[in-house]
Amino acid sequence: MNTTTPDQLIPLWPTWVGQSVLPQSEPHNAALMDLATSSPHHSNLFDLEHSTATWLKDHLQNALAQWFERMRVQPVPAFKLHAQMDVLAFGQYRELNNAPGAYLSGVYFVNEPDATSITHLRSDCLPSHFSILDPRVGFNALALMGDPNINETCTIKPVESTLMLWPAYLRHCSRVHLSDTPWVRVLFRVDLDLRRLQLKP
């Protein structure tokens, strides 16, 4: 509960998206490209005894430690990680979804989609882009220019070796992929380990 004082603006519903480019990623990205065709897509990548899976898990755990430090959640809570390969071929997309029950979601872009050769697309098509949407439908309907709530979407052009994290309740989608080269990603799910989590009364 907030105790209000005169002349105060109280922030509500903060939405944070973390993003970083992982170093020395070239050989690991090549390994992930191979795993994208050889490993079952429904399995947990982190269950594999593979040096690249370990490398990616270590970087994800480091990103999570920074996330919880930035959010002033200390000590870092117990959590469980799930990583899944995801590949988009020409014409494929991923519709809006979120991760019910998870605490955080994330993605690692293994490769950078090539530019499409199609020349007659709409100007707002943004093929092979990734969008994250605020779930508060209609909250910015009357937002004015300069208002931080003017844009409810975060749309990015994927950059190879980029890892992103966001609250799992945010909806996200992958726009239609219109390149002949497959678009390879690793999707993350971070669940709190409720059996080991110690909550204050």
N, C-alpha and C. Protein backbone atom coordinates (compact mmCIF):
# COMPACT_ATOMS: atom_id res chain seq x y z
N MET A 1 0.86 -1.20 0.00
CA MET A 1 0.00 0.00 0.00
C MET A 1 0.88 1.24 0.00
N ASN A 2 0.58 2.18 -0.92
CA ASN A 2 1.35 3.42 -0.99
C ASN A 2 0.75 4.50 -0.10
N THR A 3 1.62 5.23 0.57
CA THR A 3 1.19 6.40 1.32
C THR A 3 1.45 7.62 0.46
N THR A 4 0.38 8.28 0.03
CA THR A 4 0.52 9.40 -0.90
C THR A 4 0.92 10.66 -0.17
N THR A 5 1.66 11.48 -0.86
CA THR A 5 2.04 12.80 -0.37
C THR A 5 1.68 13.82 -1.43
N PRO A 6 1.57 15.10 -1.07
CA PRO A 6 1.22 16.11 -2.07
C PRO A 6 2.25 16.18 -3.20
N ASP A 7 1.80 16.54 -4.40
CA ASP A 7 2.67 16.74 -5.56
C ASP A 7 3.49 15.50 -5.88
N GLN A 8 2.80 14.39 -6.03
CA GLN A 8 3.50 13.13 -6.28
C GLN A 8 2.84 12.38 -7.43
N LEU A 9 3.67 11.85 -8.33
CA LEU A 9 3.20 10.95 -9.38
C LEU A 9 3.62 9.54 -9.00
N ILE A 10 2.68 8.63 -8.95
CA ILE A 10 2.95 7.26 -8.53
C ILE A 10 3.02 6.36 -9.76
N PRO A 11 4.16 5.73 -10.04
CA PRO A 11 4.25 4.83 -11.20
C PRO A 11 3.44 3.57 -10.96
N LEU A 12 2.78 3.11 -12.02
CA LEU A 12 1.98 1.90 -11.92
C LEU A 12 2.19 1.07 -13.19
N TRP A 13 2.17 -0.25 -13.02
CA TRP A 13 2.35 -1.17 -14.14
C TRP A 13 3.65 -0.94 -14.90
N PRO A 14 4.77 -1.01 -14.24
CA PRO A 14 6.03 -0.90 -15.01
C PRO A 14 6.23 -2.14 -15.88
N THR A 15 6.70 -1.96 -17.08
CA THR A 15 6.95 -3.06 -18.00
C THR A 15 8.40 -2.98 -18.45
N TRP A 16 9.17 -4.03 -18.15
CA TRP A 16 10.59 -4.04 -18.48
C TRP A 16 10.87 -5.17 -19.46
N VAL A 17 11.75 -4.90 -20.42
CA VAL A 17 12.22 -5.91 -21.35
C VAL A 17 13.74 -5.84 -21.36
N GLY A 18 14.38 -6.95 -21.01
CA GLY A 18 15.84 -7.00 -20.99
C GLY A 18 16.39 -7.49 -22.31
N GLN A 19 17.54 -6.95 -22.70
CA GLN A 19 18.13 -7.32 -23.99
C GLN A 19 19.65 -7.22 -23.89
N SER A 20 20.34 -8.24 -24.39
CA SER A 20 21.80 -8.21 -24.42
C SER A 20 22.30 -9.07 -25.56
N VAL A 21 23.48 -8.74 -26.09
CA VAL A 21 24.11 -9.51 -27.15
C VAL A 21 25.20 -10.36 -26.51
N LEU A 22 25.13 -11.67 -26.69
CA LEU A 22 26.06 -12.58 -26.05
C LEU A 22 27.40 -12.60 -26.80
N PRO A 23 28.51 -12.56 -26.05
CA PRO A 23 29.82 -12.55 -26.69
C PRO A 23 30.27 -13.95 -27.12
N GLN A 24 31.21 -13.99 -28.07
CA GLN A 24 31.82 -15.25 -28.52
C GLN A 24 30.77 -16.30 -28.86
N SER A 25 29.79 -15.87 -29.61
CA SER A 25 28.63 -16.72 -29.87
C SER A 25 28.70 -17.49 -31.19
N GLU A 26 29.63 -17.14 -32.09
CA GLU A 26 29.62 -17.71 -33.44
C GLU A 26 29.64 -19.24 -33.46
N PRO A 27 30.58 -19.91 -32.76
CA PRO A 27 30.55 -21.38 -32.82
C PRO A 27 29.31 -21.98 -32.17
N HIS A 28 28.80 -21.33 -31.15
CA HIS A 28 27.60 -21.85 -30.48
C HIS A 28 26.36 -21.66 -31.35
N ASN A 29 26.31 -20.56 -32.10
CA ASN A 29 25.19 -20.38 -33.01
C ASN A 29 25.20 -21.45 -34.11
N ALA A 30 26.39 -21.79 -34.59
CA ALA A 30 26.49 -22.85 -35.59
C ALA A 30 26.01 -24.18 -35.01
N ALA A 31 26.36 -24.45 -33.75
CA ALA A 31 25.91 -25.68 -33.10
C ALA A 31 24.40 -25.68 -32.91
N LEU A 32 23.84 -24.53 -32.57
CA LEU A 32 22.39 -24.43 -32.40
C LEU A 32 21.67 -24.62 -33.72
N MET A 33 22.25 -24.15 -34.81
CA MET A 33 21.65 -24.37 -36.13
C MET A 33 21.58 -25.87 -36.41
N ASP A 34 22.62 -26.61 -36.03
CA ASP A 34 22.61 -28.06 -36.21
C ASP A 34 21.57 -28.71 -35.30
N LEU A 35 21.50 -28.25 -34.05
CA LEU A 35 20.54 -28.82 -33.11
C LEU A 35 19.11 -28.55 -33.56
N ALA A 36 18.90 -27.47 -34.26
CA ALA A 36 17.55 -27.12 -34.72
C ALA A 36 16.98 -28.18 -35.65
N THR A 37 17.86 -28.90 -36.34
CA THR A 37 17.40 -29.92 -37.27
C THR A 37 17.50 -31.33 -36.70
N SER A 38 18.26 -31.49 -35.61
CA SER A 38 18.50 -32.84 -35.09
C SER A 38 17.79 -33.14 -33.78
N SER A 39 17.45 -32.12 -32.98
CA SER A 39 16.84 -32.37 -31.68
C SER A 39 15.33 -32.19 -31.76
N PRO A 40 14.57 -32.99 -30.99
CA PRO A 40 13.11 -32.82 -30.96
C PRO A 40 12.74 -31.42 -30.44
N HIS A 41 11.85 -30.73 -31.15
CA HIS A 41 11.54 -29.36 -30.78
C HIS A 41 10.72 -29.26 -29.49
N HIS A 42 10.11 -30.37 -29.08
CA HIS A 42 9.30 -30.31 -27.86
C HIS A 42 10.14 -30.56 -26.61
N SER A 43 11.38 -30.98 -26.77
CA SER A 43 12.21 -31.33 -25.62
C SER A 43 12.88 -30.09 -25.04
N ASN A 44 13.38 -30.23 -23.81
CA ASN A 44 14.07 -29.14 -23.14
C ASN A 44 15.54 -29.16 -23.56
N LEU A 45 15.95 -28.11 -24.26
CA LEU A 45 17.33 -28.02 -24.73
C LEU A 45 18.32 -28.16 -23.58
N PHE A 46 17.95 -27.66 -22.41
CA PHE A 46 18.87 -27.68 -21.27
C PHE A 46 19.02 -29.07 -20.65
N ASP A 47 18.25 -30.05 -21.12
CA ASP A 47 18.42 -31.42 -20.66
C ASP A 47 19.52 -32.14 -21.44
N LEU A 48 19.96 -31.53 -22.54
CA LEU A 48 21.00 -32.15 -23.36
C LEU A 48 22.37 -31.97 -22.71
N GLU A 49 23.19 -33.00 -22.81
CA GLU A 49 24.58 -32.88 -22.38
C GLU A 49 25.39 -32.38 -23.56
N HIS A 50 25.33 -31.06 -23.74
CA HIS A 50 25.96 -30.42 -24.91
C HIS A 50 26.60 -29.13 -24.44
N SER A 51 27.81 -28.86 -24.88
CA SER A 51 28.55 -27.68 -24.42
C SER A 51 27.82 -26.39 -24.78
N THR A 52 27.16 -26.36 -25.94
CA THR A 52 26.44 -25.14 -26.33
C THR A 52 25.21 -24.92 -25.47
N ALA A 53 24.51 -26.01 -25.12
CA ALA A 53 23.36 -25.88 -24.21
C ALA A 53 23.82 -25.34 -22.87
N THR A 54 24.97 -25.81 -22.38
CA THR A 54 25.52 -25.33 -21.11
C THR A 54 25.91 -23.86 -21.23
N TRP A 55 26.53 -23.49 -22.34
CA TRP A 55 26.93 -22.09 -22.58
C TRP A 55 25.71 -21.17 -22.54
N LEU A 56 24.67 -21.56 -23.23
CA LEU A 56 23.46 -20.72 -23.28
C LEU A 56 22.79 -20.66 -21.92
N LYS A 57 22.74 -21.77 -21.20
CA LYS A 57 22.12 -21.79 -19.88
C LYS A 57 22.88 -20.89 -18.91
N ASP A 58 24.21 -20.91 -18.98
CA ASP A 58 25.02 -20.05 -18.11
C ASP A 58 24.72 -18.57 -18.37
N HIS A 59 24.61 -18.20 -19.65
CA HIS A 59 24.31 -16.80 -19.98
C HIS A 59 22.89 -16.42 -19.54
N LEU A 60 21.96 -17.35 -19.68
CA LEU A 60 20.59 -17.07 -19.24
C LEU A 60 20.55 -16.89 -17.73
N GLN A 61 21.24 -17.73 -16.99
CA GLN A 61 21.27 -17.60 -15.54
C GLN A 61 21.92 -16.28 -15.12
N ASN A 62 22.95 -15.85 -15.84
CA ASN A 62 23.57 -14.56 -15.55
C ASN A 62 22.60 -13.42 -15.82
N ALA A 63 21.85 -13.52 -16.93
CA ALA A 63 20.86 -12.49 -17.24
C ALA A 63 19.77 -12.44 -16.19
N LEU A 64 19.37 -13.61 -15.68
CA LEU A 64 18.34 -13.66 -14.64
C LEU A 64 18.84 -13.04 -13.34
N ALA A 65 20.11 -13.29 -13.01
CA ALA A 65 20.67 -12.68 -11.80
C ALA A 65 20.64 -11.16 -11.91
N GLN A 66 20.98 -10.63 -13.10
CA GLN A 66 20.93 -9.19 -13.31
C GLN A 66 19.49 -8.68 -13.27
N TRP A 67 18.56 -9.47 -13.81
CA TRP A 67 17.14 -9.07 -13.80
C TRP A 67 16.64 -8.92 -12.37
N PHE A 68 16.88 -9.94 -11.54
CA PHE A 68 16.37 -9.88 -10.18
C PHE A 68 17.08 -8.80 -9.36
N GLU A 69 18.34 -8.54 -9.65
CA GLU A 69 19.04 -7.44 -8.97
C GLU A 69 18.43 -6.11 -9.36
N ARG A 70 18.13 -5.95 -10.66
CA ARG A 70 17.52 -4.69 -11.13
C ARG A 70 16.13 -4.51 -10.54
N MET A 71 15.40 -5.61 -10.32
CA MET A 71 14.07 -5.54 -9.75
C MET A 71 14.08 -5.53 -8.21
N ARG A 72 15.28 -5.55 -7.65
CA ARG A 72 15.45 -5.54 -6.19
C ARG A 72 14.81 -6.74 -5.52
N VAL A 73 14.86 -7.89 -6.22
CA VAL A 73 14.40 -9.14 -5.65
C VAL A 73 15.63 -9.92 -5.20
N GLN A 74 15.90 -9.87 -3.91
CA GLN A 74 17.07 -10.53 -3.36
C GLN A 74 16.68 -11.26 -2.07
N PRO A 75 17.17 -12.48 -1.88
CA PRO A 75 18.04 -13.21 -2.80
C PRO A 75 17.28 -13.68 -4.04
N VAL A 76 18.05 -14.10 -5.03
CA VAL A 76 17.43 -14.59 -6.26
C VAL A 76 16.56 -15.81 -5.93
N PRO A 77 15.31 -15.81 -6.33
CA PRO A 77 14.42 -16.94 -6.00
C PRO A 77 14.81 -18.20 -6.76
N ALA A 78 14.40 -19.34 -6.22
CA ALA A 78 14.62 -20.60 -6.92
C ALA A 78 13.74 -20.64 -8.16
N PHE A 79 14.31 -21.11 -9.27
CA PHE A 79 13.53 -21.16 -10.50
C PHE A 79 13.94 -22.39 -11.32
N LYS A 80 13.08 -22.72 -12.29
CA LYS A 80 13.32 -23.81 -13.21
C LYS A 80 13.34 -23.24 -14.63
N LEU A 81 14.25 -23.76 -15.47
CA LEU A 81 14.43 -23.23 -16.82
C LEU A 81 14.01 -24.25 -17.87
N HIS A 82 13.38 -23.75 -18.90
CA HIS A 82 13.02 -24.59 -20.05
C HIS A 82 13.40 -23.83 -21.31
N ALA A 83 14.10 -24.50 -22.22
CA ALA A 83 14.50 -23.90 -23.49
C ALA A 83 14.08 -24.82 -24.62
N GLN A 84 13.52 -24.22 -25.66
CA GLN A 84 13.00 -25.00 -26.78
C GLN A 84 13.42 -24.38 -28.10
N MET A 85 13.95 -25.20 -29.00
CA MET A 85 14.30 -24.71 -30.33
C MET A 85 13.02 -24.37 -31.10
N ASP A 86 13.09 -23.32 -31.90
CA ASP A 86 11.94 -22.93 -32.71
C ASP A 86 12.46 -22.43 -34.05
N VAL A 87 11.91 -22.96 -35.13
CA VAL A 87 12.38 -22.63 -36.47
C VAL A 87 11.19 -22.18 -37.32
N LEU A 88 11.35 -21.05 -37.99
CA LEU A 88 10.32 -20.56 -38.91
C LEU A 88 10.82 -20.67 -40.34
N ALA A 89 10.06 -21.34 -41.18
CA ALA A 89 10.35 -21.41 -42.60
C ALA A 89 9.59 -20.29 -43.33
N PHE A 90 9.83 -20.16 -44.62
CA PHE A 90 9.18 -19.12 -45.41
C PHE A 90 7.67 -19.21 -45.26
N GLY A 91 7.05 -18.07 -44.95
CA GLY A 91 5.60 -18.00 -44.83
C GLY A 91 5.05 -18.35 -43.47
N GLN A 92 5.90 -18.80 -42.56
CA GLN A 92 5.42 -19.16 -41.23
C GLN A 92 5.51 -17.97 -40.28
N TYR A 93 4.74 -18.03 -39.21
CA TYR A 93 4.74 -17.00 -38.18
C TYR A 93 4.31 -17.64 -36.87
N ARG A 94 4.40 -16.89 -35.79
CA ARG A 94 3.90 -17.35 -34.50
C ARG A 94 2.90 -16.32 -34.00
N GLU A 95 1.67 -16.77 -33.76
CA GLU A 95 0.61 -15.84 -33.37
C GLU A 95 0.80 -15.37 -31.94
N LEU A 96 0.02 -14.37 -31.56
CA LEU A 96 0.12 -13.79 -30.22
C LEU A 96 -0.07 -14.85 -29.15
N ASN A 97 0.81 -14.86 -28.17
CA ASN A 97 0.67 -15.77 -27.05
C ASN A 97 1.48 -15.25 -25.88
N ASN A 98 1.23 -15.79 -24.71
CA ASN A 98 2.08 -15.52 -23.55
C ASN A 98 2.33 -16.85 -22.85
N ALA A 99 2.82 -16.81 -21.64
CA ALA A 99 3.19 -18.06 -20.95
C ALA A 99 2.51 -18.13 -19.59
N PRO A 100 1.24 -18.56 -19.55
CA PRO A 100 0.52 -18.65 -18.28
C PRO A 100 1.28 -19.52 -17.27
N GLY A 101 1.37 -19.03 -16.06
CA GLY A 101 2.02 -19.78 -14.99
C GLY A 101 3.51 -19.53 -14.87
N ALA A 102 4.14 -19.01 -15.92
CA ALA A 102 5.57 -18.72 -15.86
C ALA A 102 5.79 -17.35 -15.22
N TYR A 103 7.03 -17.11 -14.81
CA TYR A 103 7.39 -15.81 -14.26
C TYR A 103 7.99 -14.90 -15.33
N LEU A 104 8.88 -15.47 -16.14
CA LEU A 104 9.49 -14.73 -17.23
C LEU A 104 9.48 -15.57 -18.50
N SER A 105 9.50 -14.90 -19.63
CA SER A 105 9.69 -15.54 -20.93
C SER A 105 10.91 -14.92 -21.59
N GLY A 106 11.39 -15.58 -22.63
CA GLY A 106 12.55 -15.02 -23.31
C GLY A 106 12.80 -15.68 -24.65
N VAL A 107 13.76 -15.11 -25.38
CA VAL A 107 14.13 -15.65 -26.68
C VAL A 107 15.61 -15.37 -26.91
N TYR A 108 16.24 -16.27 -27.64
CA TYR A 108 17.61 -16.05 -28.12
C TYR A 108 17.59 -16.22 -29.63
N PHE A 109 18.03 -15.18 -30.35
CA PHE A 109 18.03 -15.21 -31.80
C PHE A 109 19.34 -15.85 -32.28
N VAL A 110 19.23 -17.06 -32.81
CA VAL A 110 20.41 -17.80 -33.27
C VAL A 110 20.96 -17.19 -34.55
N ASN A 111 20.08 -16.79 -35.44
CA ASN A 111 20.54 -16.15 -36.68
C ASN A 111 19.69 -14.91 -36.96
N GLU A 112 20.16 -14.15 -37.89
CA GLU A 112 19.51 -12.90 -38.27
C GLU A 112 18.81 -13.11 -39.61
N PRO A 113 17.49 -12.97 -39.68
CA PRO A 113 16.79 -13.24 -40.94
C PRO A 113 17.28 -12.36 -42.08
N ASP A 114 17.44 -12.98 -43.25
CA ASP A 114 17.80 -12.22 -44.44
C ASP A 114 16.63 -11.34 -44.86
N ALA A 115 16.94 -10.28 -45.58
CA ALA A 115 15.88 -9.41 -46.10
C ALA A 115 15.07 -10.16 -47.14
N THR A 116 13.77 -9.89 -47.16
CA THR A 116 12.91 -10.56 -48.13
C THR A 116 13.15 -10.01 -49.53
N SER A 117 12.98 -10.87 -50.50
CA SER A 117 13.12 -10.45 -51.90
C SER A 117 11.80 -9.95 -52.49
N ILE A 118 10.72 -10.04 -51.72
CA ILE A 118 9.41 -9.58 -52.19
C ILE A 118 9.37 -8.06 -52.18
N THR A 119 8.94 -7.47 -53.27
CA THR A 119 9.00 -6.01 -53.41
C THR A 119 7.63 -5.33 -53.30
N HIS A 120 6.55 -6.09 -53.14
CA HIS A 120 5.22 -5.48 -53.16
C HIS A 120 4.52 -5.60 -51.81
N LEU A 121 5.27 -5.55 -50.71
CA LEU A 121 4.68 -5.67 -49.38
C LEU A 121 4.15 -4.33 -48.89
N ARG A 122 3.20 -4.39 -47.98
CA ARG A 122 2.73 -3.19 -47.31
C ARG A 122 3.88 -2.56 -46.51
N SER A 123 3.84 -1.26 -46.32
CA SER A 123 4.91 -0.58 -45.59
C SER A 123 4.97 -0.98 -44.13
N ASP A 124 3.85 -1.46 -43.57
CA ASP A 124 3.81 -1.85 -42.17
C ASP A 124 3.87 -3.36 -41.98
N CYS A 125 4.28 -4.10 -43.01
CA CYS A 125 4.32 -5.56 -42.91
C CYS A 125 5.38 -6.02 -41.90
N LEU A 126 6.57 -5.45 -41.96
CA LEU A 126 7.67 -5.78 -41.05
C LEU A 126 7.90 -7.30 -40.97
N PRO A 127 8.24 -7.93 -42.10
CA PRO A 127 8.45 -9.38 -42.07
C PRO A 127 9.65 -9.76 -41.20
N SER A 128 9.56 -10.92 -40.58
CA SER A 128 10.63 -11.48 -39.75
C SER A 128 11.01 -10.55 -38.61
N HIS A 129 10.05 -9.83 -38.08
CA HIS A 129 10.25 -8.99 -36.90
C HIS A 129 9.59 -9.67 -35.69
N PHE A 130 9.98 -9.23 -34.52
CA PHE A 130 9.48 -9.78 -33.26
C PHE A 130 8.80 -8.67 -32.48
N SER A 131 7.57 -8.91 -32.03
CA SER A 131 6.79 -7.89 -31.33
C SER A 131 6.38 -8.36 -29.95
N ILE A 132 6.47 -7.45 -28.98
CA ILE A 132 5.98 -7.67 -27.62
C ILE A 132 4.92 -6.62 -27.35
N LEU A 133 3.76 -7.05 -26.83
CA LEU A 133 2.64 -6.15 -26.63
C LEU A 133 2.26 -6.07 -25.17
N ASP A 134 1.94 -4.87 -24.73
CA ASP A 134 1.42 -4.66 -23.39
C ASP A 134 0.02 -5.26 -23.32
N PRO A 135 -0.31 -5.99 -22.26
CA PRO A 135 -1.61 -6.67 -22.20
C PRO A 135 -2.78 -5.78 -21.83
N ARG A 136 -2.53 -4.53 -21.47
CA ARG A 136 -3.63 -3.67 -21.03
C ARG A 136 -4.36 -3.11 -22.24
N VAL A 137 -5.32 -3.86 -22.75
CA VAL A 137 -6.00 -3.50 -23.99
C VAL A 137 -6.68 -2.14 -23.85
N GLY A 138 -6.40 -1.25 -24.79
CA GLY A 138 -7.06 0.05 -24.84
C GLY A 138 -6.52 1.08 -23.88
N PHE A 139 -5.46 0.76 -23.10
CA PHE A 139 -5.02 1.69 -22.08
C PHE A 139 -4.45 2.96 -22.69
N ASN A 140 -3.99 2.92 -23.94
CA ASN A 140 -3.36 4.09 -24.54
C ASN A 140 -4.25 4.75 -25.59
N ALA A 141 -5.55 4.47 -25.57
CA ALA A 141 -6.43 4.97 -26.62
C ALA A 141 -6.42 6.49 -26.73
N LEU A 142 -6.24 7.18 -25.62
CA LEU A 142 -6.25 8.64 -25.64
C LEU A 142 -4.89 9.22 -25.27
N ALA A 143 -3.83 8.40 -25.35
CA ALA A 143 -2.49 8.90 -25.03
C ALA A 143 -2.07 9.95 -26.03
N LEU A 144 -1.38 10.97 -25.54
CA LEU A 144 -0.91 12.07 -26.37
C LEU A 144 0.56 11.88 -26.70
N MET A 145 1.02 12.53 -27.77
CA MET A 145 2.42 12.47 -28.13
C MET A 145 3.27 12.98 -26.98
N GLY A 146 4.26 12.21 -26.59
CA GLY A 146 5.07 12.53 -25.43
C GLY A 146 4.70 11.71 -24.22
N ASP A 147 3.48 11.19 -24.18
CA ASP A 147 3.04 10.31 -23.10
C ASP A 147 3.78 8.98 -23.23
N PRO A 148 4.41 8.48 -22.16
CA PRO A 148 5.13 7.20 -22.28
C PRO A 148 4.23 6.02 -22.62
N ASN A 149 2.91 6.19 -22.49
CA ASN A 149 1.98 5.12 -22.82
C ASN A 149 1.46 5.19 -24.25
N ILE A 150 2.09 6.02 -25.09
CA ILE A 150 1.57 6.22 -26.44
C ILE A 150 1.71 4.97 -27.30
N ASN A 151 2.73 4.16 -27.03
CA ASN A 151 2.97 2.97 -27.84
C ASN A 151 2.90 1.73 -26.97
N GLU A 152 1.97 0.84 -27.29
CA GLU A 152 1.79 -0.36 -26.48
C GLU A 152 2.58 -1.54 -27.02
N THR A 153 3.35 -1.33 -28.09
CA THR A 153 4.10 -2.43 -28.68
C THR A 153 5.59 -2.11 -28.70
N CYS A 154 6.38 -3.17 -28.66
CA CYS A 154 7.83 -3.10 -28.85
C CYS A 154 8.15 -4.06 -29.98
N THR A 155 8.47 -3.53 -31.16
CA THR A 155 8.76 -4.36 -32.32
C THR A 155 10.21 -4.17 -32.72
N ILE A 156 10.94 -5.27 -32.83
CA ILE A 156 12.36 -5.19 -33.13
C ILE A 156 12.69 -6.05 -34.34
N LYS A 157 13.74 -5.66 -35.03
CA LYS A 157 14.32 -6.49 -36.08
C LYS A 157 15.37 -7.37 -35.42
N PRO A 158 15.20 -8.67 -35.45
CA PRO A 158 16.12 -9.55 -34.72
C PRO A 158 17.57 -9.38 -35.13
N VAL A 159 18.44 -9.38 -34.14
CA VAL A 159 19.88 -9.32 -34.36
C VAL A 159 20.49 -10.61 -33.82
N GLU A 160 21.31 -11.22 -34.61
CA GLU A 160 21.95 -12.48 -34.23
C GLU A 160 22.64 -12.36 -32.88
N SER A 161 22.50 -13.40 -32.06
CA SER A 161 23.16 -13.52 -30.75
C SER A 161 22.52 -12.66 -29.66
N THR A 162 21.32 -12.15 -29.92
CA THR A 162 20.63 -11.32 -28.93
C THR A 162 19.74 -12.19 -28.05
N LEU A 163 19.85 -11.98 -26.74
CA LEU A 163 19.01 -12.66 -25.75
C LEU A 163 18.07 -11.63 -25.15
N MET A 164 16.79 -11.97 -25.04
CA MET A 164 15.79 -11.06 -24.49
C MET A 164 15.00 -11.76 -23.40
N LEU A 165 14.59 -10.98 -22.39
CA LEU A 165 13.74 -11.46 -21.30
C LEU A 165 12.63 -10.46 -21.05
N TRP A 166 11.45 -10.95 -20.65
CA TRP A 166 10.34 -10.06 -20.34
C TRP A 166 9.37 -10.79 -19.41
N PRO A 167 8.50 -10.07 -18.71
CA PRO A 167 7.49 -10.72 -17.86
C PRO A 167 6.60 -11.64 -18.69
N ALA A 168 6.32 -12.83 -18.16
CA ALA A 168 5.65 -13.86 -18.95
C ALA A 168 4.22 -13.49 -19.33
N TYR A 169 3.63 -12.50 -18.64
CA TYR A 169 2.25 -12.15 -18.98
C TYR A 169 2.16 -11.31 -20.25
N LEU A 170 3.28 -10.76 -20.72
CA LEU A 170 3.25 -9.97 -21.94
C LEU A 170 2.98 -10.86 -23.14
N ARG A 171 2.12 -10.40 -24.03
CA ARG A 171 1.88 -11.13 -25.26
C ARG A 171 2.98 -10.82 -26.27
N HIS A 172 3.35 -11.81 -27.04
CA HIS A 172 4.38 -11.60 -28.05
C HIS A 172 4.05 -12.43 -29.29
N CYS A 173 4.62 -12.04 -30.41
CA CYS A 173 4.39 -12.76 -31.65
C CYS A 173 5.60 -12.60 -32.56
N SER A 174 5.74 -13.54 -33.47
CA SER A 174 6.75 -13.45 -34.52
C SER A 174 6.03 -13.19 -35.83
N ARG A 175 6.33 -12.08 -36.46
CA ARG A 175 5.65 -11.72 -37.70
C ARG A 175 6.09 -12.65 -38.83
N VAL A 176 5.29 -12.70 -39.88
CA VAL A 176 5.50 -13.67 -40.95
C VAL A 176 6.94 -13.59 -41.46
N HIS A 177 7.54 -14.78 -41.59
CA HIS A 177 8.93 -14.88 -42.06
C HIS A 177 8.92 -15.03 -43.57
N LEU A 178 9.54 -14.07 -44.26
CA LEU A 178 9.50 -14.05 -45.73
C LEU A 178 10.89 -14.13 -46.33
N SER A 179 11.76 -14.90 -45.69
CA SER A 179 13.09 -15.15 -46.22
C SER A 179 13.23 -16.64 -46.49
N ASP A 180 14.04 -16.99 -47.51
CA ASP A 180 14.24 -18.40 -47.84
C ASP A 180 15.08 -19.12 -46.80
N THR A 181 15.90 -18.38 -46.06
CA THR A 181 16.72 -18.97 -45.00
C THR A 181 15.89 -19.11 -43.73
N PRO A 182 15.83 -20.30 -43.12
CA PRO A 182 15.03 -20.46 -41.89
C PRO A 182 15.48 -19.51 -40.79
N TRP A 183 14.53 -19.08 -39.99
CA TRP A 183 14.79 -18.20 -38.85
C TRP A 183 14.79 -19.07 -37.60
N VAL A 184 15.96 -19.19 -36.97
CA VAL A 184 16.15 -20.10 -35.84
C VAL A 184 16.24 -19.31 -34.55
N ARG A 185 15.47 -19.74 -33.57
CA ARG A 185 15.47 -19.09 -32.26
C ARG A 185 15.44 -20.15 -31.16
N VAL A 186 15.76 -19.75 -29.96
CA VAL A 186 15.56 -20.56 -28.76
C VAL A 186 14.57 -19.81 -27.88
N LEU A 187 13.49 -20.46 -27.51
CA LEU A 187 12.47 -19.84 -26.66
C LEU A 187 12.66 -20.29 -25.22
N PHE A 188 12.58 -19.36 -24.29
CA PHE A 188 12.80 -19.65 -22.88
C PHE A 188 11.50 -19.52 -22.09
N ARG A 189 11.44 -20.30 -21.03
CA ARG A 189 10.38 -20.18 -20.03
C ARG A 189 11.04 -20.31 -18.66
N VAL A 190 10.76 -19.34 -17.78
CA VAL A 190 11.34 -19.33 -16.44
C VAL A 190 10.19 -19.47 -15.44
N ASP A 191 10.16 -20.61 -14.75
CA ASP A 191 9.13 -20.87 -13.75
C ASP A 191 9.73 -20.78 -12.36
N LEU A 192 9.02 -20.16 -11.45
CA LEU A 192 9.46 -20.16 -10.06
C LEU A 192 9.28 -21.55 -9.48
N ASP A 193 10.27 -22.03 -8.74
CA ASP A 193 10.19 -23.33 -8.09
C ASP A 193 9.47 -23.13 -6.76
N LEU A 194 8.16 -23.30 -6.78
CA LEU A 194 7.34 -22.97 -5.62
C LEU A 194 7.63 -23.86 -4.42
N ARG A 195 8.16 -25.05 -4.67
CA ARG A 195 8.50 -25.94 -3.55
C ARG A 195 9.69 -25.41 -2.75
N ARG A 196 10.56 -24.68 -3.43
CA ARG A 196 11.77 -24.17 -2.77
C ARG A 196 11.68 -22.67 -2.49
N LEU A 197 10.63 -22.03 -2.98
CA LEU A 197 10.51 -20.59 -2.83
C LEU A 197 10.06 -20.24 -1.43
N GLN A 198 10.79 -19.32 -0.81
CA GLN A 198 10.44 -18.88 0.55
C GLN A 198 9.82 -17.48 0.45
N LEU A 199 8.55 -17.39 0.76
CA LEU A 199 7.84 -16.11 0.69
C LEU A 199 7.71 -15.53 2.07
N LYS A 200 7.85 -14.21 2.15
CA LYS A 200 7.65 -13.53 3.43
C LYS A 200 6.17 -13.53 3.80
N PRO A 201 5.84 -13.68 5.08
CA PRO A 201 4.43 -13.67 5.48
C PRO A 201 3.83 -12.28 5.27
